[in-house]
Amino acid sequence: MCLEELRALLARHARPDGTTAIDGVLVSKVDRSDPPAPSMSGTVLAVIAQGAKRLALGDRIFEYGAGQYLVASVDLPVTGQFTQADPERPALGFGLVLEPSAVAELLLRAAPGDTPPTSGGAAPGIVVTDAPAPLLDAVVRLLRLLDEPRDRAVLAPLVKREILWRLITGEQGATVRQLGLADSGLSHISRAVRWIREHYARPFRVEDLARLSGMSVSAFYRNFHAVTAMSPIQFQKQIRLQEARLQLATHPGDVIGVGHRVGYDNPSQFSREYRRQFGVPPSQDAARLRQGVRGPAGVLS
């Protein structure tokens, strides 16, 4: 019954931009299965009510469908594709942006023993599992508030906290809990992830990133791969290529300049890696982007 009502609520409240009247709550409706396309995951809970999606992160493949949820605790470069979506039966999904401060507040309020112990290593940045009935029930109650504007301002924050608590204490709680722990392995790796994203065009030494993360080089490598499923160099390449694609959408005639701005001194290397990532050379992809060919916007849509 939860899934049936969830589908009806999502279908009724879906907007083209995915937003809703509740801050941080997203609704997705996709009526076609496009080719795999790259995007950033965001830090988000994504629940699928209808349809199915496949997501690739480095060497890991995640598949999730109706009654399952995905949690992304780090904003990671992913490649996604809906594998079940058509006009007669569109893919329908619910999303909730995960805020570290909200997770931290709940962890502080929890009594000793209320949450499972967190291991010392970094948990994976993306996990998928079946959604238990109490979590689906809370999601449905949150979406019902879209039809109840008088109650929304007071009740929506409470239900969002309940959803977070269900995640924190659930099967994949380690990934969510680390989002709110200042000294977790995830928070240390997030410093390096943030640095690479902000300075993607610059070369770096792994030793410097390890020092920034407060880890030895061996521990940094191990934890970085655990979270991102990539090495730091592979991660940087993914960010560079996604940034290049964004720039080509607005500067389609400046392929060499775009490659240089994102950190490629060799145009041939840029073209080769771009084609390997997106399936076409940058000049051809720029023309396609100019024609408005869309790609998915994250783990939900």
Protein backbone atom coordinates (compact mmCIF):
# COMPACT_ATOMS: atom_id res chain seq x y z
CA MET A 1 0.00 0.00 0.00
CA CYS A 2 2.87 2.40 0.78
CA LEU A 3 4.36 2.00 -2.70
CA GLU A 4 0.97 2.42 -4.38
CA GLU A 5 0.27 5.69 -2.58
CA LEU A 6 3.87 6.80 -3.06
CA ARG A 7 3.53 6.35 -6.85
CA ALA A 8 0.32 8.38 -6.89
CA LEU A 9 1.85 11.23 -4.87
CA LEU A 10 4.99 11.35 -7.00
CA ALA A 11 3.05 11.31 -10.28
CA ARG A 12 0.81 14.14 -9.07
CA HIS A 13 3.56 16.40 -7.77
CA ALA A 14 6.28 15.89 -10.39
CA ARG A 15 7.59 19.12 -11.94
CA PRO A 16 9.97 19.50 -14.88
CA ASP A 17 12.75 20.82 -12.61
CA GLY A 18 12.23 18.15 -9.93
CA THR A 19 11.64 20.64 -7.09
CA THR A 20 8.75 20.75 -4.62
CA ALA A 21 7.27 23.18 -2.11
CA ILE A 22 9.28 21.46 0.66
CA ASP A 23 12.91 22.54 0.84
CA GLY A 24 15.32 19.72 0.02
CA VAL A 25 12.59 17.36 -1.25
CA LEU A 26 12.78 16.30 -4.90
CA VAL A 27 10.32 14.43 -7.11
CA SER A 28 11.35 12.75 -10.35
CA LYS A 29 9.24 11.48 -13.25
CA VAL A 30 11.10 10.08 -16.29
CA ASP A 31 9.22 8.63 -19.25
CA ARG A 32 12.08 7.33 -21.39
CA SER A 33 15.25 5.31 -21.07
CA ASP A 34 18.06 7.48 -22.43
CA PRO A 35 21.63 6.26 -23.06
CA PRO A 36 23.96 6.32 -20.01
CA ALA A 37 25.01 9.89 -19.19
CA PRO A 38 27.37 11.43 -16.61
CA SER A 39 26.34 13.64 -13.71
CA MET A 40 27.21 14.42 -10.09
CA SER A 41 25.41 12.37 -7.48
CA GLY A 42 24.86 15.08 -4.86
CA THR A 43 24.48 14.05 -1.21
CA VAL A 44 21.02 12.56 -1.31
CA LEU A 45 18.56 9.84 -0.42
CA ALA A 46 16.82 8.51 -3.55
CA VAL A 47 13.81 6.17 -3.28
CA ILE A 48 12.45 4.51 -6.43
CA ALA A 49 8.70 3.89 -6.44
CA GLN A 50 8.40 2.75 -10.05
CA GLY A 51 10.90 1.83 -12.75
CA ALA A 52 14.59 1.01 -12.32
CA LYS A 53 17.96 2.71 -12.69
CA ARG A 54 21.57 1.63 -13.15
CA LEU A 55 24.39 3.79 -11.79
CA ALA A 56 28.12 3.38 -12.35
CA LEU A 57 30.73 4.77 -9.95
CA GLY A 58 34.28 3.87 -10.89
CA ASP A 59 34.38 0.08 -11.02
CA ARG A 60 31.11 -0.35 -9.08
CA ILE A 61 27.65 -0.81 -10.59
CA PHE A 62 24.49 -0.07 -8.58
CA GLU A 63 21.04 -1.15 -9.72
CA TYR A 64 17.94 -0.10 -7.84
CA GLY A 65 14.24 -0.31 -8.54
CA ALA A 66 10.80 -0.07 -6.99
CA GLY A 67 10.90 -0.35 -3.20
CA GLN A 68 14.65 0.27 -2.96
CA TYR A 69 16.69 3.28 -1.97
CA LEU A 70 20.14 4.68 -2.69
CA VAL A 71 22.17 6.92 -0.40
CA ALA A 72 25.01 9.09 -1.67
CA SER A 73 27.01 10.59 1.20
CA VAL A 74 29.57 12.36 -1.03
CA ASP A 75 29.03 14.36 -4.23
CA LEU A 76 30.58 11.91 -6.71
CA PRO A 77 30.91 11.72 -10.51
CA VAL A 78 28.58 8.97 -11.68
CA THR A 79 27.11 7.65 -14.93
CA GLY A 80 23.42 6.77 -14.82
CA GLN A 81 20.66 5.33 -16.96
CA PHE A 82 17.03 4.45 -16.34
CA THR A 83 16.58 0.85 -17.46
CA GLN A 84 12.81 0.80 -16.94
CA ALA A 85 10.96 3.96 -17.99
CA ASP A 86 8.41 4.66 -20.71
CA PRO A 87 5.40 6.97 -21.23
CA GLU A 88 2.89 4.29 -20.17
CA ARG A 89 4.82 3.48 -16.99
CA PRO A 90 7.29 6.27 -16.16
CA ALA A 91 10.01 5.93 -13.58
CA LEU A 92 8.99 7.70 -10.35
CA GLY A 93 11.36 8.67 -7.57
CA PHE A 94 11.61 10.61 -4.31
CA GLY A 95 14.73 12.49 -3.27
CA LEU A 96 15.85 14.12 -0.04
CA VAL A 97 19.00 16.23 0.11
CA LEU A 98 21.15 15.06 3.03
CA GLU A 99 22.62 17.83 5.19
CA PRO A 100 25.60 16.90 7.41
CA SER A 101 24.44 19.34 10.10
CA ALA A 102 21.03 17.62 10.35
CA VAL A 103 22.69 14.19 10.66
CA ALA A 104 25.10 15.54 13.30
CA GLU A 105 22.22 17.01 15.34
CA LEU A 106 20.40 13.67 15.48
CA LEU A 107 23.58 11.83 16.45
CA LEU A 108 24.10 14.30 19.31
CA ARG A 109 20.53 13.82 20.53
CA ALA A 110 20.70 10.03 20.43
CA ALA A 111 21.20 8.22 23.72
CA PRO A 112 24.25 5.96 24.15
CA GLY A 113 23.58 2.65 22.43
CA ASP A 114 20.78 4.01 20.21
CA THR A 115 23.00 3.82 17.12
CA PRO A 116 25.32 0.99 16.07
CA PRO A 117 29.04 1.64 16.57
CA THR A 118 30.84 3.19 13.60
CA SER A 119 33.91 1.37 12.30
CA GLY A 120 37.18 3.23 11.89
CA GLY A 121 37.39 2.89 8.09
CA ALA A 122 35.48 5.01 5.61
CA ALA A 123 32.13 3.62 4.47
CA PRO A 124 31.31 3.54 0.73
CA GLY A 125 30.13 6.86 -0.65
CA ILE A 126 27.12 5.22 -2.38
CA VAL A 127 25.01 2.31 -1.11
CA VAL A 128 21.76 0.64 -2.22
CA THR A 129 19.32 -1.48 -0.21
CA ASP A 130 15.65 -2.39 0.17
CA ALA A 131 13.49 0.29 1.77
CA PRO A 132 11.83 -0.93 5.00
CA ALA A 133 8.15 -0.19 5.56
CA PRO A 134 8.73 2.47 8.29
CA LEU A 135 10.97 4.46 5.93
CA LEU A 136 8.46 4.29 3.07
CA ASP A 137 5.68 5.30 5.45
CA ALA A 138 7.63 8.40 6.52
CA VAL A 139 8.34 9.33 2.89
CA VAL A 140 4.62 9.03 2.06
CA ARG A 141 3.66 11.21 5.02
CA LEU A 142 6.19 13.85 3.96
CA LEU A 143 4.80 13.92 0.42
CA ARG A 144 1.23 14.16 1.72
CA LEU A 145 2.20 17.52 3.19
CA LEU A 146 2.53 18.88 -0.36
CA ASP A 147 -1.29 18.78 -0.34
CA GLU A 148 -1.50 20.33 3.15
CA PRO A 149 0.06 23.83 3.01
CA ARG A 150 -1.25 24.80 6.45
CA ASP A 151 0.61 21.96 8.18
CA ARG A 152 3.68 21.87 5.94
CA ALA A 153 5.90 24.41 7.70
CA VAL A 154 5.51 22.76 11.11
CA LEU A 155 5.33 19.07 10.23
CA ALA A 156 7.72 18.74 7.27
CA PRO A 157 10.90 19.34 9.36
CA LEU A 158 9.72 16.70 11.86
CA VAL A 159 9.08 14.07 9.20
CA LYS A 160 12.40 14.84 7.50
CA ARG A 161 14.13 14.21 10.84
CA GLU A 162 12.28 10.91 11.15
CA ILE A 163 13.46 9.86 7.68
CA LEU A 164 17.04 10.73 8.62
CA TRP A 165 16.74 8.72 11.82
CA ARG A 166 15.43 5.70 9.88
CA LEU A 167 18.48 5.97 7.63
CA ILE A 168 20.93 6.46 10.50
CA THR A 169 19.68 3.37 12.33
CA GLY A 170 19.00 1.31 9.19
CA GLU A 171 20.93 -1.30 7.25
CA GLN A 172 23.15 1.28 5.51
CA GLY A 173 23.36 3.59 8.52
CA ALA A 174 27.17 3.64 8.59
CA THR A 175 27.29 5.62 5.35
CA VAL A 176 24.76 8.17 6.64
CA ARG A 177 26.23 8.44 10.14
CA GLN A 178 29.69 9.26 8.78
CA LEU A 179 28.14 12.24 7.01
CA GLY A 180 27.52 13.85 10.40
CA LEU A 181 30.71 12.82 12.24
CA ALA A 182 33.42 15.46 12.14
CA ASP A 183 36.21 12.91 12.65
CA SER A 184 34.93 10.04 10.50
CA GLY A 185 36.89 8.49 7.68
CA LEU A 186 34.33 9.94 5.28
CA SER A 187 34.83 13.49 6.59
CA HIS A 188 38.59 13.18 6.17
CA ILE A 189 38.26 11.92 2.59
CA SER A 190 35.67 14.64 1.89
CA ARG A 191 38.41 17.23 2.43
CA ALA A 192 40.42 15.71 -0.41
CA VAL A 193 37.32 15.33 -2.61
CA ARG A 194 36.44 18.99 -2.04
CA TRP A 195 40.00 20.12 -2.81
CA ILE A 196 40.08 18.18 -6.09
CA ARG A 197 36.69 19.52 -7.12
CA GLU A 198 37.71 23.12 -6.38
CA HIS A 199 41.18 22.79 -8.02
CA TYR A 200 40.49 20.17 -10.69
CA ALA A 201 42.73 21.88 -13.28
CA ARG A 202 45.79 21.81 -11.02
CA PRO A 203 48.21 18.91 -10.67
CA PHE A 204 48.65 17.52 -7.16
CA ARG A 205 50.77 15.12 -5.14
CA VAL A 206 48.93 12.33 -3.36
CA GLU A 207 51.17 12.93 -0.35
CA ASP A 208 49.75 16.45 -0.04
CA LEU A 209 46.15 15.22 -0.21
CA ALA A 210 46.91 12.57 2.39
CA ARG A 211 48.33 15.25 4.67
CA LEU A 212 45.25 17.44 4.08
CA SER A 213 43.08 14.47 5.07
CA GLY A 214 45.13 13.73 8.18
CA MET A 215 46.10 10.25 7.00
CA SER A 216 49.14 8.29 5.97
CA VAL A 217 49.48 7.80 2.21
CA SER A 218 48.51 4.10 2.40
CA ALA A 219 45.46 4.80 4.60
CA PHE A 220 44.45 7.68 2.33
CA TYR A 221 44.58 5.50 -0.80
CA ARG A 222 42.57 2.76 0.92
CA ASN A 223 39.89 5.08 2.29
CA PHE A 224 39.66 7.21 -0.86
CA HIS A 225 38.95 4.13 -2.97
CA ALA A 226 36.47 2.82 -0.39
CA VAL A 227 34.45 6.04 -0.64
CA THR A 228 34.77 6.91 -4.34
CA ALA A 229 35.60 3.56 -6.04
CA MET A 230 38.41 5.45 -7.80
CA SER A 231 41.99 6.55 -7.27
CA PRO A 232 42.53 10.30 -6.69
CA ILE A 233 43.88 10.68 -10.25
CA GLN A 234 40.88 8.88 -11.74
CA PHE A 235 38.56 11.05 -9.66
CA GLN A 236 40.25 14.22 -10.90
CA LYS A 237 39.92 13.05 -14.51
CA GLN A 238 36.19 12.45 -14.06
CA ILE A 239 35.72 15.93 -12.63
CA ARG A 240 37.79 17.52 -15.42
CA LEU A 241 35.79 15.80 -18.15
CA GLN A 242 32.43 16.67 -16.62
CA GLU A 243 33.51 20.30 -16.23
CA ALA A 244 34.71 20.28 -19.84
CA ARG A 245 31.30 19.07 -20.97
CA LEU A 246 29.59 21.88 -19.07
CA GLN A 247 31.91 24.45 -20.64
CA LEU A 248 31.41 23.03 -24.15
CA ALA A 249 27.68 23.61 -23.80
CA THR A 250 28.37 27.38 -23.69
CA HIS A 251 31.63 27.47 -25.72
CA PRO A 252 31.06 24.85 -28.44
CA GLY A 253 33.62 26.37 -30.81
CA ASP A 254 36.51 26.44 -28.33
CA VAL A 255 37.38 22.78 -27.84
CA ILE A 256 41.12 23.37 -27.40
CA GLY A 257 40.55 26.28 -25.00
CA VAL A 258 38.10 24.26 -22.90
CA GLY A 259 40.54 21.36 -22.69
CA HIS A 260 43.30 23.68 -21.54
CA ARG A 261 41.10 25.39 -18.93
CA VAL A 262 40.17 22.08 -17.29
CA GLY A 263 43.81 20.98 -17.07
CA TYR A 264 44.75 19.27 -20.36
CA ASP A 265 47.92 20.61 -22.00
CA ASN A 266 47.69 18.02 -24.79
CA PRO A 267 44.62 18.44 -27.06
CA SER A 268 44.96 14.89 -28.39
CA GLN A 269 44.86 13.44 -24.87
CA PHE A 270 41.84 15.60 -24.04
CA SER A 271 39.97 14.44 -27.16
CA ARG A 272 40.90 10.79 -26.55
CA GLU A 273 39.79 10.76 -22.89
CA TYR A 274 36.67 12.79 -23.65
CA ARG A 275 35.60 10.29 -26.31
CA ARG A 276 36.29 7.37 -24.00
CA GLN A 277 34.10 8.98 -21.33
CA PHE A 278 31.20 10.31 -23.42
CA GLY A 279 31.30 8.13 -26.51
CA VAL A 280 31.92 10.95 -29.02
CA PRO A 281 34.72 13.51 -29.62
CA PRO A 282 34.32 16.88 -27.85
CA SER A 283 33.50 18.77 -31.08
CA GLN A 284 30.68 16.35 -31.92
CA ASP A 285 29.36 16.34 -28.37
CA ALA A 286 29.39 20.17 -28.34
CA ALA A 287 27.12 20.18 -31.40
CA ARG A 288 24.82 17.66 -29.71
CA LEU A 289 24.70 19.74 -26.52
CA ARG A 290 23.90 22.85 -28.56
CA GLN A 291 20.87 21.03 -29.97
CA GLY A 292 19.60 20.49 -26.43
CA VAL A 293 20.16 16.76 -25.95
CA ARG A 294 19.65 16.23 -22.25
CA GLY A 295 21.23 13.89 -19.76
CA PRO A 296 20.22 12.82 -16.26
CA ALA A 297 20.77 15.23 -13.39
CA GLY A 298 21.91 12.84 -10.70
CA VAL A 299 20.98 9.60 -8.92
CA LEU A 300 17.24 10.36 -9.06
CA SER A 301 16.53 11.87 -12.50
